[in-house]
Amino acid sequence: MVCSGIAFHCHTPLVCIVGTLDSQHYISETVCSTYVSPIENVWSMLAQRLARDTPPTASPDQLRQYVEAAWTAVSQGYIQSLSGSMPRLVAAAVIANNGGYIG
């Protein structure tokens, strides 16, 4: 498992988690995302890119290299466009839930 974070002007390095991930480990070491978090879009884009570009026979070390290369290739402009969409996404989620909790 890998995790990372994004901000308007930068994104953090990847953190690789080896072994079993229980709830305490998750809380202490990962980026906890909300329903409308833009990082979910980044993870989706990375998953699509990795599915397309990673050979099925890749070793764990090769897979880590593919993931790190894909993460490094994420443009800050893409992250900024996702951040810019947040007011619209939050408004839509609040409206869809009649002003209630959105997750």
Protein backbone atom coordinates (compact mmCIF):
# COMPACT_ATOMS: atom_id res chain seq x y z
CA MET A 1 0.00 0.00 0.00
CA VAL A 2 1.14 3.53 -0.67
CA CYS A 3 -0.13 6.86 0.53
CA SER A 4 0.74 10.47 -0.05
CA GLY A 5 -0.75 13.93 0.10
CA ILE A 6 -1.42 16.84 -2.19
CA ALA A 7 -1.57 20.60 -1.74
CA PHE A 8 -2.12 23.42 -4.18
CA HIS A 9 1.61 24.08 -4.71
CA CYS A 10 3.15 20.64 -4.08
CA HIS A 11 2.61 16.97 -3.46
CA THR A 12 4.34 14.87 -0.84
CA PRO A 13 6.59 11.89 -1.46
CA LEU A 14 4.98 8.46 -1.45
CA VAL A 15 5.01 6.42 1.74
CA CYS A 16 5.11 2.65 1.17
CA ILE A 17 3.43 0.53 3.84
CA VAL A 18 4.56 -3.07 3.89
CA GLY A 19 2.57 -5.75 5.66
CA THR A 20 -0.89 -5.76 7.16
CA LEU A 21 -2.67 -2.45 7.56
CA ASP A 22 -4.94 -2.41 10.61
CA SER A 23 -7.05 0.55 11.73
CA GLN A 24 -4.45 1.92 14.15
CA HIS A 25 -1.70 1.72 11.51
CA TYR A 26 -4.01 3.43 8.99
CA ILE A 27 -4.86 6.27 11.34
CA SER A 28 -1.25 6.84 12.38
CA GLU A 29 0.41 6.59 8.95
CA THR A 30 -1.96 7.45 6.09
CA VAL A 31 -3.75 10.40 4.57
CA CYS A 32 -7.40 9.97 5.61
CA SER A 33 -9.54 11.22 2.74
CA THR A 34 -13.10 12.49 2.76
CA TYR A 35 -15.82 11.83 0.23
CA VAL A 36 -15.04 14.93 -1.85
CA SER A 37 -11.26 14.89 -1.46
CA PRO A 38 -9.36 15.66 -4.66
CA ILE A 39 -6.71 13.06 -3.82
CA GLU A 40 -9.27 10.36 -4.61
CA ASN A 41 -9.22 11.60 -8.22
CA VAL A 42 -5.42 11.47 -8.24
CA TRP A 43 -5.44 7.87 -6.94
CA SER A 44 -7.97 6.92 -9.61
CA MET A 45 -5.84 8.45 -12.36
CA LEU A 46 -2.75 6.66 -11.01
CA ALA A 47 -4.60 3.33 -10.86
CA GLN A 48 -5.67 3.70 -14.49
CA ARG A 49 -2.14 4.62 -15.56
CA LEU A 50 -0.63 1.69 -13.65
CA ALA A 51 -3.19 -0.76 -15.06
CA ARG A 52 -2.26 0.43 -18.54
CA ASP A 53 1.53 0.60 -18.13
CA THR A 54 2.54 -2.06 -15.61
CA PRO A 55 3.30 -5.57 -16.88
CA PRO A 56 1.40 -8.27 -14.96
CA THR A 57 4.69 -10.02 -14.21
CA ALA A 58 6.22 -7.03 -12.38
CA SER A 59 8.00 -7.90 -9.15
CA PRO A 60 7.15 -5.98 -5.95
CA ASP A 61 10.29 -3.83 -6.44
CA GLN A 62 9.39 -3.12 -10.06
CA LEU A 63 5.83 -2.30 -9.06
CA ARG A 64 7.12 0.17 -6.46
CA GLN A 65 9.24 1.80 -9.19
CA TYR A 66 6.22 2.06 -11.52
CA VAL A 67 4.11 3.60 -8.75
CA GLU A 68 6.82 6.10 -7.83
CA ALA A 69 7.32 7.07 -11.49
CA ALA A 70 3.57 7.53 -11.99
CA TRP A 71 3.32 9.62 -8.81
CA THR A 72 6.27 11.80 -9.84
CA ALA A 73 4.62 12.37 -13.23
CA VAL A 74 1.45 13.86 -11.69
CA SER A 75 1.45 17.47 -12.79
CA GLN A 76 0.89 20.21 -10.26
CA GLY A 77 -1.49 21.81 -12.79
CA TYR A 78 -3.72 18.72 -12.56
CA ILE A 79 -3.72 18.95 -8.76
CA GLN A 80 -4.51 22.67 -8.93
CA SER A 81 -7.44 22.03 -11.27
CA LEU A 82 -8.79 19.45 -8.81
CA SER A 83 -8.37 21.90 -5.93
CA GLY A 84 -10.19 24.55 -7.96
CA SER A 85 -13.15 22.21 -8.38
CA MET A 86 -13.62 21.77 -4.62
CA PRO A 87 -16.17 24.57 -4.05
CA ARG A 88 -18.40 23.11 -6.77
CA LEU A 89 -18.01 19.54 -5.50
CA VAL A 90 -18.75 20.50 -1.89
CA ALA A 91 -21.77 22.56 -2.91
CA ALA A 92 -23.14 19.70 -5.02
CA ALA A 93 -22.61 17.18 -2.19
CA VAL A 94 -24.30 19.44 0.36
CA ILE A 95 -27.25 20.04 -1.97
CA ALA A 96 -27.56 16.32 -2.76
CA ASN A 97 -27.71 15.60 0.99
CA ASN A 98 -30.18 18.41 1.74
CA GLY A 99 -27.58 20.27 3.76
CA GLY A 100 -26.69 17.21 5.83
CA TYR A 101 -23.48 15.33 6.49
CA ILE A 102 -21.58 14.51 3.28
CA GLY A 103 -19.14 11.91 4.56
